[in-house]
Amino acid sequence: MKLKNILLCSSVVLTPFFVNAQTKPATKKVAVKPKTTSVIPAHTTAQSVPFASLKDSASYGLGILVAQNFKMQNIEINAELLQKGFNEVMKGAPTPITDMQANQLLQKYMQKEQSKQFEPNRLAGEKFLADNKKKEGIVTLASGLQYQILKKGDGPIPTASDKVKTHYHGTLIDGTVFDSSVDRGEPISFPVTGVIQGWVEALQLMPVGSKWKLFVPYELAYGTRGSGPTIKPYSALVFEVELLGIEK
């Protein structure tokens, strides 16, 4: 296998690390009086490396990043076989599986591990929706999408080819707000088919002027991947959506 394909494959597990590293909130700078002495060992500075060369240090550093990211995601691996596969590729030796098989196997394993890790999310969402569908005024569609009409509208109903203008307020099932045009005070416009599947289905049932509360199963939301730091994989979501108009 080619090294670039190995790196492409390992980006599946490395990406969360680099995203987290680059998206940490900015911290307020505080003026600190300079010290005349330093207690930081020389080998930890960028100017001095703990190995014979910068290449050696960078290689070791890459190993640290990969291992830390596996640990951060609670993913168990066979370190000996990881090293064996890496060494064989670097030496140009034949490998028992192809690049495509390697990617497929890694993705399958990652999905299995992720499913196990976020099983509580899935179960909590299923229980929430099962309890919710018993409440008065809740409509449950064949897809699993649930909605409650908060305000009836009498305008036209959008089609898949339309662009709509909406106000919305999105939360997790525990009430945690993850996004809200209402809080921002700015409605948002987008194509009907340019949003999560739960919205796509609901918008094509809502007359303009309506305000609905949507209860969206994870399959119709962000699925097994989640979105950003707040919406974890397998998360059911709740939205209050007001359809303000159709924009041609």
Protein backbone atom coordinates (compact mmCIF):
# COMPACT_ATOMS: atom_id res chain seq x y z
CA MET A 1 0.00 0.00 0.00
CA LYS A 2 1.14 3.53 -0.69
CA LEU A 3 2.00 5.76 2.23
CA LYS A 4 -0.43 8.46 1.09
CA ASN A 5 -3.26 5.95 1.34
CA ILE A 6 -2.16 4.92 4.82
CA LEU A 7 -2.22 8.56 5.88
CA LEU A 8 -5.59 9.07 4.19
CA CYS A 9 -6.92 6.07 6.05
CA SER A 10 -5.53 7.20 9.38
CA SER A 11 -7.10 10.64 8.91
CA VAL A 12 -10.32 8.96 10.03
CA VAL A 13 -8.91 8.84 13.54
CA LEU A 14 -6.53 11.79 13.37
CA THR A 15 -9.08 14.34 12.14
CA PRO A 16 -10.86 14.79 15.50
CA PHE A 17 -7.52 15.55 17.16
CA PHE A 18 -6.53 18.23 14.67
CA VAL A 19 -10.02 19.72 14.64
CA ASN A 20 -10.02 19.96 18.43
CA ALA A 21 -6.56 21.47 18.43
CA GLN A 22 -7.56 24.15 15.94
CA THR A 23 -10.98 25.03 17.32
CA LYS A 24 -10.26 25.66 20.97
CA PRO A 25 -11.93 28.89 22.10
CA ALA A 26 -9.65 31.88 22.26
CA THR A 27 -8.49 32.74 25.73
CA LYS A 28 -8.02 36.20 27.08
CA LYS A 29 -4.42 37.30 27.10
CA VAL A 30 -3.11 38.34 30.49
CA ALA A 31 0.03 40.38 30.89
CA VAL A 32 2.64 38.46 32.82
CA LYS A 33 5.79 39.96 34.27
CA PRO A 34 8.82 38.40 32.52
CA LYS A 35 10.89 36.04 34.65
CA THR A 36 14.64 36.15 34.70
CA THR A 37 15.01 32.37 34.95
CA SER A 38 13.30 29.44 33.28
CA VAL A 39 12.35 26.14 34.86
CA ILE A 40 11.36 24.56 31.53
CA PRO A 41 13.84 21.85 30.46
CA ALA A 42 15.63 22.67 27.23
CA HIS A 43 14.49 19.45 25.54
CA THR A 44 10.83 20.56 25.64
CA THR A 45 11.34 23.72 23.61
CA ALA A 46 10.81 24.05 19.87
CA GLN A 47 14.46 24.98 19.36
CA SER A 48 15.79 21.79 20.96
CA VAL A 49 14.59 18.29 20.11
CA PRO A 50 15.03 15.15 22.26
CA PHE A 51 16.21 12.98 19.35
CA ALA A 52 19.10 12.96 16.91
CA SER A 53 17.25 14.95 14.26
CA LEU A 54 14.06 16.92 13.71
CA LYS A 55 12.84 14.11 11.45
CA ASP A 56 13.23 11.62 14.29
CA SER A 57 11.44 13.90 16.72
CA ALA A 58 8.60 14.54 14.27
CA SER A 59 8.25 10.79 13.67
CA TYR A 60 8.00 10.13 17.38
CA GLY A 61 5.59 13.02 17.74
CA LEU A 62 3.31 11.55 15.07
CA GLY A 63 3.23 8.30 17.04
CA ILE A 64 2.20 10.24 20.13
CA LEU A 65 -0.60 12.05 18.29
CA VAL A 66 -2.00 8.86 16.78
CA ALA A 67 -1.91 7.03 20.13
CA GLN A 68 -3.42 9.95 22.05
CA ASN A 69 -6.24 10.22 19.54
CA PHE A 70 -7.05 6.51 19.82
CA LYS A 71 -7.09 6.85 23.61
CA MET A 72 -9.22 9.99 23.47
CA GLN A 73 -11.84 8.11 21.45
CA ASN A 74 -11.56 5.00 23.67
CA ILE A 75 -10.59 2.88 20.65
CA GLU A 76 -8.66 -0.31 21.31
CA ILE A 77 -6.06 -1.41 18.75
CA ASN A 78 -3.36 -4.05 18.39
CA ALA A 79 -0.25 -1.86 18.53
CA GLU A 80 2.02 -4.66 17.30
CA LEU A 81 -0.02 -5.19 14.13
CA LEU A 82 -0.28 -1.44 13.62
CA GLN A 83 3.52 -1.25 13.67
CA LYS A 84 3.82 -4.35 11.46
CA GLY A 85 1.55 -2.90 8.78
CA PHE A 86 3.33 0.43 8.90
CA ASN A 87 6.78 -1.15 8.60
CA GLU A 88 5.77 -3.37 5.68
CA VAL A 89 4.49 -0.40 3.70
CA MET A 90 7.57 1.69 4.47
CA LYS A 91 9.83 -1.18 3.30
CA GLY A 92 7.78 -1.75 0.16
CA ALA A 93 6.95 -5.30 1.25
CA PRO A 94 3.75 -6.98 0.00
CA THR A 95 0.73 -6.69 2.29
CA PRO A 96 -2.05 -9.26 2.78
CA ILE A 97 -4.81 -6.71 2.12
CA THR A 98 -5.28 -3.95 -0.46
CA ASP A 99 -5.59 -0.22 0.14
CA MET A 100 -9.34 -0.41 -0.41
CA GLN A 101 -9.72 -3.32 1.99
CA ALA A 102 -7.67 -1.47 4.61
CA ASN A 103 -9.95 1.56 4.39
CA GLN A 104 -13.09 -0.58 4.49
CA LEU A 105 -11.88 -2.56 7.48
CA LEU A 106 -10.86 0.57 9.38
CA GLN A 107 -14.17 2.28 8.69
CA LYS A 108 -16.10 -0.82 9.73
CA TYR A 109 -14.13 -1.10 12.97
CA MET A 110 -14.46 2.62 13.73
CA GLN A 111 -18.22 2.46 13.19
CA LYS A 112 -18.46 -0.55 15.50
CA GLU A 113 -16.42 1.17 18.21
CA GLN A 114 -18.35 4.41 17.81
CA SER A 115 -21.66 2.57 17.99
CA LYS A 116 -20.55 0.95 21.25
CA GLN A 117 -19.29 4.22 22.70
CA PHE A 118 -22.44 6.21 21.88
CA GLU A 119 -24.97 3.47 22.58
CA PRO A 120 -26.34 5.48 25.56
CA ASN A 121 -27.18 8.35 23.17
CA ARG A 122 -29.13 6.04 20.89
CA LEU A 123 -31.04 4.41 23.73
CA ALA A 124 -31.85 7.76 25.36
CA GLY A 125 -33.17 9.10 22.06
CA GLU A 126 -35.31 6.03 21.44
CA LYS A 127 -36.83 6.23 24.92
CA PHE A 128 -37.47 9.96 24.58
CA LEU A 129 -39.29 9.51 21.27
CA ALA A 130 -41.25 6.48 22.50
CA ASP A 131 -42.49 8.45 25.52
CA ASN A 132 -43.08 11.58 23.47
CA LYS A 133 -45.34 9.91 20.90
CA LYS A 134 -47.84 9.09 23.67
CA LYS A 135 -48.38 12.76 24.46
CA GLU A 136 -51.44 14.64 23.28
CA GLY A 137 -50.96 16.58 20.05
CA ILE A 138 -47.91 14.66 18.87
CA VAL A 139 -48.06 13.35 15.30
CA THR A 140 -45.69 10.50 14.39
CA LEU A 141 -44.90 9.91 10.72
CA ALA A 142 -43.87 6.62 9.10
CA SER A 143 -40.24 7.80 8.99
CA GLY A 144 -40.19 8.21 12.77
CA LEU A 145 -40.31 12.01 12.62
CA GLN A 146 -42.62 13.53 15.22
CA TYR A 147 -44.16 16.98 15.23
CA GLN A 148 -46.47 19.16 17.27
CA ILE A 149 -48.31 22.12 15.75
CA LEU A 150 -47.71 25.22 17.88
CA LYS A 151 -49.26 27.66 15.41
CA LYS A 152 -51.29 26.91 12.29
CA GLY A 153 -50.41 28.68 9.08
CA ASP A 154 -52.63 29.21 6.05
CA GLY A 155 -50.03 29.97 3.38
CA PRO A 156 -48.66 27.79 0.58
CA ILE A 157 -46.70 24.63 1.32
CA PRO A 158 -43.09 24.49 0.04
CA THR A 159 -41.93 21.90 -2.47
CA ALA A 160 -38.51 20.27 -2.73
CA SER A 161 -37.38 22.84 -5.31
CA ASP A 162 -38.22 25.87 -3.14
CA LYS A 163 -36.08 28.06 -0.95
CA VAL A 164 -37.59 28.96 2.41
CA LYS A 165 -37.11 31.54 5.14
CA THR A 166 -37.38 30.27 8.72
CA HIS A 167 -36.78 30.97 12.36
CA TYR A 168 -35.69 28.00 14.45
CA HIS A 169 -34.47 26.99 17.89
CA GLY A 170 -32.58 23.69 18.17
CA THR A 171 -31.90 21.69 21.32
CA LEU A 172 -30.79 18.26 22.45
CA ILE A 173 -33.40 16.12 24.19
CA ASP A 174 -32.09 17.38 27.55
CA GLY A 175 -32.78 20.99 26.54
CA THR A 176 -29.19 21.98 25.70
CA VAL A 177 -29.32 24.64 22.97
CA PHE A 178 -26.94 23.97 20.07
CA ASP A 179 -28.20 26.51 17.52
CA SER A 180 -30.88 29.18 17.36
CA SER A 181 -31.72 31.83 14.78
CA VAL A 182 -34.23 33.09 17.35
CA ASP A 183 -31.46 33.81 19.85
CA ARG A 184 -29.42 35.50 17.11
CA GLY A 185 -32.44 37.56 16.07
CA GLU A 186 -31.87 36.72 12.40
CA PRO A 187 -34.07 34.43 10.29
CA ILE A 188 -32.24 32.14 7.87
CA SER A 189 -32.97 31.14 4.27
CA PHE A 190 -31.98 27.87 2.60
CA PRO A 191 -33.16 25.35 -0.01
CA VAL A 192 -35.73 22.88 1.30
CA THR A 193 -33.43 19.98 0.42
CA GLY A 194 -30.33 21.67 1.89
CA VAL A 195 -30.94 20.64 5.49
CA ILE A 196 -31.23 17.46 7.58
CA GLN A 197 -33.74 14.89 6.37
CA GLY A 198 -36.14 15.53 9.26
CA TRP A 199 -36.46 19.15 8.18
CA VAL A 200 -36.79 18.24 4.51
CA GLU A 201 -39.79 16.07 5.34
CA ALA A 202 -41.42 18.54 7.74
CA LEU A 203 -41.02 21.62 5.55
CA GLN A 204 -42.96 19.96 2.72
CA LEU A 205 -45.91 19.51 5.09
CA MET A 206 -45.92 22.97 6.70
CA PRO A 207 -48.01 25.85 5.34
CA VAL A 208 -46.28 29.24 5.46
CA GLY A 209 -47.06 30.94 8.75
CA SER A 210 -46.89 27.69 10.70
CA LYS A 211 -44.80 27.06 13.76
CA TRP A 212 -44.08 23.41 14.55
CA LYS A 213 -42.04 21.60 17.14
CA LEU A 214 -40.07 18.78 15.53
CA PHE A 215 -38.74 15.72 17.33
CA VAL A 216 -36.12 14.21 15.04
CA PRO A 217 -34.66 10.68 15.36
CA TYR A 218 -30.91 10.49 14.88
CA GLU A 219 -31.38 8.76 11.51
CA LEU A 220 -33.13 11.89 10.20
CA ALA A 221 -30.68 14.29 11.88
CA TYR A 222 -26.88 13.94 11.93
CA GLY A 223 -26.88 10.15 12.10
CA THR A 224 -23.90 8.21 13.34
CA ARG A 225 -21.48 11.11 12.82
CA GLY A 226 -22.98 13.89 14.89
CA SER A 227 -22.13 17.53 14.24
CA GLY A 228 -19.68 19.74 16.10
CA PRO A 229 -18.85 19.40 19.79
CA THR A 230 -22.45 19.46 21.07
CA ILE A 231 -24.38 17.09 18.80
CA LYS A 232 -22.90 13.68 19.49
CA PRO A 233 -23.39 10.65 17.22
CA TYR A 234 -26.82 8.98 17.50
CA SER A 235 -28.42 12.14 18.96
CA ALA A 236 -32.15 12.73 18.62
CA LEU A 237 -32.87 16.46 18.27
CA VAL A 238 -35.70 18.88 19.01
CA PHE A 239 -36.48 21.98 16.92
CA GLU A 240 -39.04 24.73 17.06
CA VAL A 241 -39.43 25.82 13.44
CA GLU A 242 -41.42 28.79 12.17
CA LEU A 243 -41.92 28.92 8.41
CA LEU A 244 -41.84 32.62 7.50
CA GLY A 245 -42.02 32.41 3.73
CA ILE A 246 -41.08 30.85 0.41
CA GLU A 247 -38.41 32.57 -1.65
CA LYS A 248 -38.49 31.88 -5.38
